[in-house]
């Protein structure tokens, strides 16, 4: 079974997109639920999902700028890897459980694989050393692969650390 489109994001404002995300459990929510996310608690997630915080306050400034820098990270991934990526301008849902959502950063052209783009502070450099990937991001990508279905078995990560180091 294949993922289905939950909502087109092509013409959505950021606030509209954040409101749509409230309608289900996304990849970044999965790590919160499992207690692996150091940026958000399960209680904060519950407040957001139940609409008890304004949508404009439901995302941090770091998440906001990470979203803006996503295009740059994706373009640099293309340069360094030689792979082409394509933006998925839709929010996807699991084919059997429509509350399980996925906002995939990029699809790899010619592969059944995805790209997850990240930005982080220089203070988090140690979390990415020796090709390590933080557990909360691994859970996020596993969530996305679960939504996409069994033909998707691979994901790439690209991270910009401190604005000047690319992994």
N, C-alpha and C. Protein backbone atom coordinates (compact mmCIF):
# COMPACT_ATOMS: atom_id res chain seq x y z
N UNK A 1 0.85 -1.18 0.00
CA UNK A 1 0.00 0.00 0.00
C UNK A 1 0.89 1.24 0.00
N UNK A 2 0.38 2.27 -0.62
CA UNK A 2 1.16 3.48 -0.82
C UNK A 2 0.56 4.64 -0.04
N UNK A 3 1.43 5.56 0.37
CA UNK A 3 0.97 6.77 1.07
C UNK A 3 -0.01 7.54 0.20
N UNK A 4 -0.90 8.24 0.85
CA UNK A 4 -1.88 9.06 0.15
C UNK A 4 -1.65 10.52 0.50
N UNK A 5 -2.10 11.42 -0.36
CA UNK A 5 -1.98 12.85 -0.08
C UNK A 5 -3.04 13.23 0.94
N UNK A 6 -2.59 13.82 2.02
CA UNK A 6 -3.48 14.33 3.06
C UNK A 6 -3.89 15.76 2.74
N UNK A 7 -2.91 16.57 2.31
CA UNK A 7 -3.18 17.95 1.95
C UNK A 7 -2.07 18.46 1.04
N UNK A 8 -2.44 19.26 0.06
CA UNK A 8 -1.44 19.91 -0.79
C UNK A 8 -0.88 21.09 -0.01
N UNK A 9 0.44 21.23 -0.02
CA UNK A 9 1.08 22.32 0.71
C UNK A 9 1.61 23.40 -0.23
N UNK A 10 1.38 23.24 -1.52
CA UNK A 10 1.96 24.14 -2.52
C UNK A 10 1.62 25.61 -2.28
N UNK A 11 0.39 25.88 -1.91
CA UNK A 11 -0.03 27.28 -1.74
C UNK A 11 -0.38 27.63 -0.30
N UNK A 12 0.07 26.81 0.65
CA UNK A 12 -0.24 27.05 2.06
C UNK A 12 0.70 28.07 2.68
N UNK A 13 0.14 28.91 3.52
CA UNK A 13 0.99 29.77 4.35
C UNK A 13 1.59 28.91 5.46
N UNK A 14 2.57 29.44 6.14
CA UNK A 14 3.19 28.70 7.25
C UNK A 14 2.15 28.37 8.33
N UNK A 15 1.30 29.34 8.68
CA UNK A 15 0.28 29.10 9.71
C UNK A 15 -0.74 28.05 9.26
N UNK A 16 -1.13 28.07 7.98
CA UNK A 16 -2.05 27.05 7.47
C UNK A 16 -1.41 25.67 7.56
N UNK A 17 -0.12 25.59 7.21
CA UNK A 17 0.60 24.33 7.28
C UNK A 17 0.67 23.83 8.71
N UNK A 18 0.94 24.72 9.66
CA UNK A 18 1.00 24.34 11.07
C UNK A 18 -0.37 23.85 11.56
N UNK A 19 -1.44 24.46 11.08
CA UNK A 19 -2.79 24.01 11.46
C UNK A 19 -3.07 22.61 10.91
N UNK A 20 -2.66 22.34 9.68
CA UNK A 20 -2.85 21.01 9.11
C UNK A 20 -2.07 19.96 9.89
N UNK A 21 -0.87 20.31 10.31
CA UNK A 21 -0.03 19.37 11.09
C UNK A 21 -0.71 18.95 12.39
N UNK A 22 -1.55 19.81 12.91
CA UNK A 22 -2.24 19.50 14.17
C UNK A 22 -3.24 18.36 14.02
N UNK A 23 -3.58 18.00 12.81
CA UNK A 23 -4.62 17.00 12.56
C UNK A 23 -4.11 15.56 12.66
N UNK A 24 -2.84 15.39 12.97
CA UNK A 24 -2.30 14.04 13.08
C UNK A 24 -0.94 14.03 13.75
N UNK A 25 -0.33 12.86 13.72
CA UNK A 25 1.00 12.66 14.32
C UNK A 25 2.01 12.62 13.18
N UNK A 26 2.93 13.57 13.20
CA UNK A 26 3.98 13.64 12.19
C UNK A 26 5.28 13.04 12.68
N UNK A 27 6.27 13.05 11.81
CA UNK A 27 7.56 12.46 12.14
C UNK A 27 8.25 13.11 13.31
N UNK A 28 8.24 14.43 13.39
CA UNK A 28 8.89 15.09 14.53
C UNK A 28 8.10 14.86 15.81
N UNK A 29 6.81 14.60 15.71
CA UNK A 29 5.99 14.28 16.89
C UNK A 29 6.34 12.90 17.45
N UNK A 30 6.74 11.99 16.58
CA UNK A 30 7.03 10.61 17.01
C UNK A 30 8.14 10.59 18.06
N UNK A 31 9.18 11.39 17.86
CA UNK A 31 10.28 11.40 18.84
C UNK A 31 9.84 12.03 20.16
N UNK A 32 8.92 12.97 20.10
CA UNK A 32 8.38 13.57 21.32
C UNK A 32 7.61 12.52 22.10
N UNK A 33 6.75 11.79 21.41
CA UNK A 33 5.94 10.75 22.04
C UNK A 33 6.81 9.67 22.68
N UNK A 34 7.92 9.35 22.04
CA UNK A 34 8.84 8.33 22.57
C UNK A 34 9.79 8.86 23.64
N UNK A 35 9.71 10.17 23.93
CA UNK A 35 10.57 10.76 24.96
C UNK A 35 12.00 10.98 24.50
N UNK A 36 12.23 11.05 23.20
CA UNK A 36 13.58 11.22 22.67
C UNK A 36 13.90 12.63 22.21
N UNK A 37 12.94 13.52 22.28
CA UNK A 37 13.11 14.87 21.77
C UNK A 37 13.50 15.81 22.91
N UNK A 38 14.68 16.42 22.79
CA UNK A 38 15.13 17.30 23.86
C UNK A 38 14.58 18.72 23.73
N UNK A 39 13.86 19.00 22.66
CA UNK A 39 13.35 20.35 22.42
C UNK A 39 11.88 20.52 22.82
N UNK A 40 11.16 19.40 22.99
CA UNK A 40 9.72 19.50 23.24
C UNK A 40 9.26 18.35 24.12
N UNK A 41 8.33 18.64 25.01
CA UNK A 41 7.80 17.60 25.89
C UNK A 41 6.49 17.07 25.32
N UNK A 42 6.07 15.93 25.81
CA UNK A 42 4.79 15.34 25.39
C UNK A 42 3.64 16.29 25.77
N UNK A 43 3.76 16.96 26.89
CA UNK A 43 2.72 17.91 27.31
C UNK A 43 2.63 19.08 26.32
N UNK A 44 3.77 19.60 25.91
CA UNK A 44 3.77 20.70 24.93
C UNK A 44 3.17 20.24 23.60
N UNK A 45 3.47 19.02 23.21
CA UNK A 45 2.89 18.46 21.99
C UNK A 45 1.37 18.35 22.13
N UNK A 46 0.91 17.87 23.27
CA UNK A 46 -0.53 17.75 23.51
C UNK A 46 -1.20 19.12 23.45
N UNK A 47 -0.58 20.13 24.08
CA UNK A 47 -1.14 21.49 24.03
C UNK A 47 -1.27 21.97 22.58
N UNK A 48 -0.26 21.70 21.78
CA UNK A 48 -0.28 22.10 20.37
C UNK A 48 -1.37 21.34 19.61
N UNK A 49 -1.40 20.02 19.74
CA UNK A 49 -2.35 19.20 18.97
C UNK A 49 -3.80 19.49 19.35
N UNK A 50 -4.01 19.93 20.57
CA UNK A 50 -5.38 20.24 21.00
C UNK A 50 -5.72 21.72 20.81
N UNK A 51 -4.83 22.46 20.16
CA UNK A 51 -5.10 23.85 19.82
C UNK A 51 -5.06 24.81 21.00
N UNK A 52 -4.36 24.44 22.04
CA UNK A 52 -4.33 25.28 23.24
C UNK A 52 -3.19 26.30 23.25
N UNK A 53 -2.39 26.32 22.19
CA UNK A 53 -1.40 27.38 21.99
C UNK A 53 -1.64 27.95 20.60
N UNK A 54 -1.43 29.25 20.44
CA UNK A 54 -1.61 29.84 19.11
C UNK A 54 -0.69 29.16 18.10
N UNK A 55 -1.18 28.96 16.90
CA UNK A 55 -0.41 28.25 15.89
C UNK A 55 0.92 28.95 15.61
N UNK A 56 0.96 30.26 15.67
CA UNK A 56 2.20 30.99 15.40
C UNK A 56 3.25 30.76 16.48
N UNK A 57 2.84 30.28 17.65
CA UNK A 57 3.78 30.01 18.74
C UNK A 57 4.12 28.53 18.84
N UNK A 58 3.55 27.71 17.97
CA UNK A 58 3.76 26.27 18.10
C UNK A 58 5.09 25.79 17.52
N UNK A 59 5.79 26.65 16.79
CA UNK A 59 7.10 26.30 16.25
C UNK A 59 8.13 27.29 16.77
N UNK A 60 9.29 26.79 17.11
CA UNK A 60 10.36 27.63 17.64
C UNK A 60 11.01 28.44 16.52
N UNK A 61 11.80 29.43 16.91
CA UNK A 61 12.55 30.20 15.92
C UNK A 61 13.56 29.32 15.20
N UNK A 62 14.16 28.38 15.93
CA UNK A 62 15.12 27.47 15.31
C UNK A 62 14.44 26.65 14.22
N UNK A 63 13.22 26.17 14.49
CA UNK A 63 12.47 25.41 13.48
C UNK A 63 12.11 26.31 12.30
N UNK A 64 11.75 27.54 12.59
CA UNK A 64 11.40 28.49 11.53
C UNK A 64 12.58 28.71 10.59
N UNK A 65 13.76 29.00 11.14
CA UNK A 65 14.93 29.24 10.30
C UNK A 65 15.41 27.95 9.64
N UNK A 66 15.24 26.84 10.31
CA UNK A 66 15.57 25.56 9.69
C UNK A 66 14.76 25.34 8.43
N UNK A 67 13.50 25.73 8.48
CA UNK A 67 12.62 25.61 7.32
C UNK A 67 13.08 26.53 6.19
N UNK A 68 13.47 27.72 6.53
CA UNK A 68 13.95 28.67 5.51
C UNK A 68 15.24 28.17 4.86
N UNK A 69 16.13 27.59 5.66
CA UNK A 69 17.43 27.13 5.16
C UNK A 69 17.37 25.75 4.48
N UNK A 70 16.21 25.12 4.53
CA UNK A 70 16.05 23.78 3.95
C UNK A 70 16.45 23.73 2.48
N UNK A 71 16.06 24.72 1.70
CA UNK A 71 16.41 24.75 0.28
C UNK A 71 17.93 24.76 0.08
N UNK A 72 18.63 25.54 0.89
CA UNK A 72 20.08 25.63 0.78
C UNK A 72 20.73 24.28 1.12
N UNK A 73 20.25 23.65 2.18
CA UNK A 73 20.78 22.34 2.57
C UNK A 73 20.52 21.31 1.47
N UNK A 74 19.32 21.32 0.90
CA UNK A 74 18.99 20.38 -0.17
C UNK A 74 19.86 20.61 -1.41
N UNK A 75 20.07 21.86 -1.77
CA UNK A 75 20.92 22.17 -2.93
C UNK A 75 22.36 21.72 -2.70
N UNK A 76 22.86 21.91 -1.50
CA UNK A 76 24.23 21.48 -1.20
C UNK A 76 24.33 19.96 -1.19
N UNK A 77 23.29 19.28 -0.74
CA UNK A 77 23.27 17.82 -0.82
C UNK A 77 23.40 17.38 -2.28
N UNK A 78 22.67 18.04 -3.18
CA UNK A 78 22.76 17.70 -4.60
C UNK A 78 24.19 17.88 -5.12
N UNK A 79 24.81 18.99 -4.76
CA UNK A 79 26.18 19.28 -5.22
C UNK A 79 27.14 18.21 -4.71
N UNK A 80 27.07 17.89 -3.43
CA UNK A 80 28.04 16.98 -2.83
C UNK A 80 27.78 15.51 -3.15
N UNK A 81 26.53 15.15 -3.33
CA UNK A 81 26.20 13.73 -3.56
C UNK A 81 26.07 13.37 -5.03
N UNK A 82 25.78 14.37 -5.87
CA UNK A 82 25.51 14.10 -7.28
C UNK A 82 24.10 13.59 -7.52
N UNK A 83 23.31 13.51 -6.47
CA UNK A 83 21.92 13.04 -6.58
C UNK A 83 20.99 14.24 -6.77
N UNK A 84 19.93 14.05 -7.50
CA UNK A 84 18.91 15.08 -7.68
C UNK A 84 17.80 14.85 -6.67
N UNK A 85 17.25 15.95 -6.16
CA UNK A 85 16.14 15.85 -5.22
C UNK A 85 14.96 16.66 -5.73
N UNK A 86 13.80 16.29 -5.26
CA UNK A 86 12.56 16.97 -5.66
C UNK A 86 11.74 17.23 -4.40
N UNK A 87 11.21 18.43 -4.31
CA UNK A 87 10.35 18.77 -3.18
C UNK A 87 9.01 18.08 -3.34
N UNK A 88 8.50 17.58 -2.24
CA UNK A 88 7.16 16.97 -2.22
C UNK A 88 6.22 18.04 -1.67
N UNK A 89 5.41 18.61 -2.48
CA UNK A 89 4.55 19.72 -2.07
C UNK A 89 3.20 19.24 -1.56
N UNK A 90 3.28 18.20 -0.72
CA UNK A 90 2.06 17.71 -0.09
C UNK A 90 2.40 17.02 1.22
N UNK A 91 1.44 17.05 2.10
CA UNK A 91 1.52 16.32 3.36
C UNK A 91 0.91 14.95 3.06
N UNK A 92 1.62 13.92 3.45
CA UNK A 92 1.16 12.56 3.16
C UNK A 92 0.55 11.93 4.40
N UNK A 93 -0.29 10.92 4.18
CA UNK A 93 -0.86 10.16 5.29
C UNK A 93 -0.68 8.67 5.02
N UNK A 94 -0.62 7.94 6.09
CA UNK A 94 -0.49 6.49 6.01
C UNK A 94 -1.74 5.93 5.33
N UNK A 95 -1.60 4.91 4.48
CA UNK A 95 -2.75 4.40 3.74
C UNK A 95 -3.84 3.75 4.61
N UNK A 96 -3.48 3.28 5.80
CA UNK A 96 -4.47 2.62 6.66
C UNK A 96 -4.82 3.43 7.91
N UNK A 97 -3.93 4.31 8.33
CA UNK A 97 -4.12 5.07 9.56
C UNK A 97 -3.98 6.55 9.23
N UNK A 98 -5.10 7.21 8.94
CA UNK A 98 -5.02 8.57 8.39
C UNK A 98 -4.59 9.64 9.39
N UNK A 99 -4.33 9.29 10.63
CA UNK A 99 -3.79 10.26 11.59
C UNK A 99 -2.25 10.24 11.61
N UNK A 100 -1.64 9.30 10.89
CA UNK A 100 -0.18 9.21 10.82
C UNK A 100 0.25 9.98 9.56
N UNK A 101 0.91 11.12 9.78
CA UNK A 101 1.23 12.05 8.70
C UNK A 101 2.74 12.13 8.45
N UNK A 102 3.09 12.62 7.28
CA UNK A 102 4.49 12.81 6.93
C UNK A 102 4.66 14.08 6.11
N UNK A 103 5.61 14.90 6.52
CA UNK A 103 6.04 16.08 5.79
C UNK A 103 7.48 15.84 5.36
N UNK A 104 7.64 15.27 4.21
CA UNK A 104 8.96 14.86 3.74
C UNK A 104 9.66 16.05 3.10
N UNK A 105 10.93 16.27 3.50
CA UNK A 105 11.67 17.41 2.96
C UNK A 105 11.89 17.27 1.46
N UNK A 106 12.47 16.15 1.03
CA UNK A 106 12.75 15.95 -0.39
C UNK A 106 12.69 14.46 -0.73
N UNK A 107 12.33 14.18 -1.98
CA UNK A 107 12.39 12.84 -2.53
C UNK A 107 13.65 12.77 -3.39
N UNK A 108 14.33 11.64 -3.38
CA UNK A 108 15.50 11.45 -4.22
C UNK A 108 15.01 10.98 -5.60
N UNK A 109 15.40 11.68 -6.64
CA UNK A 109 14.98 11.36 -8.00
C UNK A 109 15.68 10.07 -8.44
N UNK A 110 14.89 9.12 -8.94
CA UNK A 110 15.43 7.87 -9.45
C UNK A 110 15.71 6.82 -8.38
N UNK A 111 15.34 7.10 -7.15
CA UNK A 111 15.53 6.17 -6.03
C UNK A 111 14.27 6.17 -5.19
N UNK A 112 13.99 5.08 -4.55
CA UNK A 112 12.91 5.03 -3.57
C UNK A 112 13.52 5.42 -2.23
N UNK A 113 13.87 6.70 -2.12
CA UNK A 113 14.56 7.21 -0.94
C UNK A 113 14.15 8.66 -0.70
N UNK A 114 14.38 9.12 0.52
CA UNK A 114 14.05 10.49 0.90
C UNK A 114 15.29 11.18 1.45
N UNK A 115 15.22 12.51 1.49
CA UNK A 115 16.26 13.33 2.09
C UNK A 115 15.64 14.13 3.23
N UNK A 116 16.26 14.07 4.38
CA UNK A 116 15.86 14.88 5.52
C UNK A 116 16.92 15.95 5.72
N UNK A 117 16.52 17.20 5.64
CA UNK A 117 17.41 18.34 5.77
C UNK A 117 17.34 18.91 7.18
N UNK A 118 18.49 19.17 7.77
CA UNK A 118 18.55 19.70 9.13
C UNK A 118 19.51 20.87 9.21
N UNK A 119 19.27 21.74 10.16
CA UNK A 119 20.20 22.79 10.56
C UNK A 119 20.30 22.72 12.07
N UNK A 120 21.48 23.01 12.57
CA UNK A 120 21.66 22.98 14.01
C UNK A 120 22.77 23.93 14.43
N UNK A 121 22.85 24.18 15.69
CA UNK A 121 23.85 25.04 16.28
C UNK A 121 25.20 24.34 16.35
N UNK A 122 26.25 25.11 16.37
CA UNK A 122 27.61 24.58 16.56
C UNK A 122 27.70 23.82 17.88
N UNK A 123 26.87 24.19 18.85
CA UNK A 123 26.87 23.50 20.15
C UNK A 123 26.45 22.03 20.03
N UNK A 124 25.78 21.68 18.94
CA UNK A 124 25.32 20.31 18.74
C UNK A 124 26.24 19.50 17.82
N UNK A 125 27.42 20.02 17.54
CA UNK A 125 28.35 19.36 16.63
C UNK A 125 28.66 17.93 17.05
N UNK A 126 28.85 17.68 18.33
CA UNK A 126 29.22 16.34 18.82
C UNK A 126 28.15 15.30 18.48
N UNK A 127 26.89 15.72 18.42
CA UNK A 127 25.81 14.77 18.09
C UNK A 127 25.92 14.24 16.66
N UNK A 128 26.66 14.94 15.81
CA UNK A 128 26.76 14.59 14.40
C UNK A 128 28.15 14.06 14.03
N UNK A 129 29.07 13.97 14.99
CA UNK A 129 30.42 13.51 14.69
C UNK A 129 30.44 12.03 14.30
N UNK A 130 31.42 11.66 13.48
CA UNK A 130 31.61 10.27 13.05
C UNK A 130 30.37 9.69 12.38
N UNK A 131 29.70 10.52 11.61
CA UNK A 131 28.49 10.11 10.88
C UNK A 131 27.36 9.66 11.79
N UNK A 132 27.37 10.09 13.04
CA UNK A 132 26.27 9.79 13.97
C UNK A 132 25.08 10.69 13.62
N UNK A 133 23.90 10.19 13.92
CA UNK A 133 22.67 10.95 13.71
C UNK A 133 21.88 10.87 15.01
N UNK A 134 21.41 12.01 15.53
CA UNK A 134 20.64 11.99 16.77
C UNK A 134 19.41 11.08 16.67
N UNK A 135 19.11 10.39 17.77
CA UNK A 135 18.03 9.39 17.80
C UNK A 135 16.68 9.99 17.41
N UNK A 136 16.40 11.23 17.82
CA UNK A 136 15.10 11.81 17.48
C UNK A 136 14.93 11.97 15.97
N UNK A 137 16.01 12.23 15.25
CA UNK A 137 15.92 12.36 13.81
C UNK A 137 15.80 11.00 13.12
N UNK A 138 16.44 10.00 13.69
CA UNK A 138 16.29 8.65 13.14
C UNK A 138 14.83 8.19 13.27
N UNK A 139 14.22 8.46 14.41
CA UNK A 139 12.81 8.11 14.62
C UNK A 139 11.93 8.86 13.63
N UNK A 140 12.23 10.13 13.40
CA UNK A 140 11.46 10.93 12.46
C UNK A 140 11.48 10.30 11.06
N UNK A 141 12.65 9.92 10.60
CA UNK A 141 12.78 9.34 9.26
C UNK A 141 12.15 7.95 9.20
N UNK A 142 12.28 7.17 10.26
CA UNK A 142 11.61 5.86 10.29
C UNK A 142 10.10 6.04 10.18
N UNK A 143 9.58 7.04 10.84
CA UNK A 143 8.15 7.36 10.76
C UNK A 143 7.77 7.65 9.30
N UNK A 144 8.56 8.49 8.63
CA UNK A 144 8.28 8.84 7.24
C UNK A 144 8.33 7.61 6.33
N UNK A 145 9.35 6.77 6.53
CA UNK A 145 9.45 5.56 5.71
C UNK A 145 8.26 4.64 5.95
N UNK A 146 7.77 4.61 7.18
CA UNK A 146 6.58 3.81 7.49
C UNK A 146 5.34 4.34 6.79
N UNK A 147 5.22 5.65 6.67
CA UNK A 147 4.09 6.24 5.95
C UNK A 147 4.20 5.94 4.46
N UNK A 148 5.40 6.05 3.91
CA UNK A 148 5.59 5.85 2.47
C UNK A 148 5.36 4.42 2.02
N UNK A 149 5.63 3.47 2.87
CA UNK A 149 5.40 2.07 2.53
C UNK A 149 6.68 1.29 2.34
N UNK A 150 6.54 -0.03 2.17
CA UNK A 150 7.70 -0.92 2.17
C UNK A 150 8.68 -0.73 1.02
N UNK A 151 8.26 -0.11 -0.07
CA UNK A 151 9.22 0.08 -1.17
C UNK A 151 10.26 1.16 -0.85
N UNK A 152 9.98 1.99 0.15
CA UNK A 152 10.95 3.00 0.59
C UNK A 152 11.73 2.44 1.77
N UNK A 153 13.01 2.20 1.56
CA UNK A 153 13.85 1.58 2.58
C UNK A 153 15.06 2.43 2.94
N UNK A 154 15.19 3.60 2.33
CA UNK A 154 16.41 4.36 2.50
C UNK A 154 16.12 5.85 2.68
N UNK A 155 16.94 6.46 3.54
CA UNK A 155 16.85 7.90 3.74
C UNK A 155 18.26 8.46 3.87
N UNK A 156 18.42 9.67 3.41
CA UNK A 156 19.67 10.41 3.55
C UNK A 156 19.43 11.58 4.49
N UNK A 157 20.45 11.95 5.21
CA UNK A 157 20.41 13.13 6.06
C UNK A 157 21.43 14.13 5.53
N UNK A 158 21.08 15.39 5.54
CA UNK A 158 22.02 16.47 5.25
C UNK A 158 21.83 17.50 6.35
N UNK A 159 22.93 17.93 6.95
CA UNK A 159 22.83 18.87 8.06
C UNK A 159 23.83 20.00 7.89
N UNK A 160 23.37 21.21 8.15
CA UNK A 160 24.22 22.39 8.19
C UNK A 160 24.40 22.74 9.66
N UNK A 161 25.64 22.68 10.12
CA UNK A 161 25.95 22.89 11.54
C UNK A 161 26.59 24.25 11.72
N UNK A 162 25.98 25.08 12.56
CA UNK A 162 26.54 26.39 12.86
C UNK A 162 26.60 27.33 11.68
N UNK A 163 25.89 27.01 10.61
CA UNK A 163 25.87 27.87 9.44
C UNK A 163 27.09 27.74 8.55
N UNK A 164 28.06 26.86 8.93
CA UNK A 164 29.28 26.80 8.12
C UNK A 164 29.93 25.42 8.02
N UNK A 165 29.28 24.38 8.53
CA UNK A 165 29.82 23.03 8.41
C UNK A 165 28.69 22.13 7.90
N UNK A 166 28.97 21.42 6.81
CA UNK A 166 27.96 20.58 6.17
C UNK A 166 28.32 19.11 6.34
N UNK A 167 27.37 18.32 6.78
CA UNK A 167 27.53 16.86 6.88
C UNK A 167 26.42 16.20 6.08
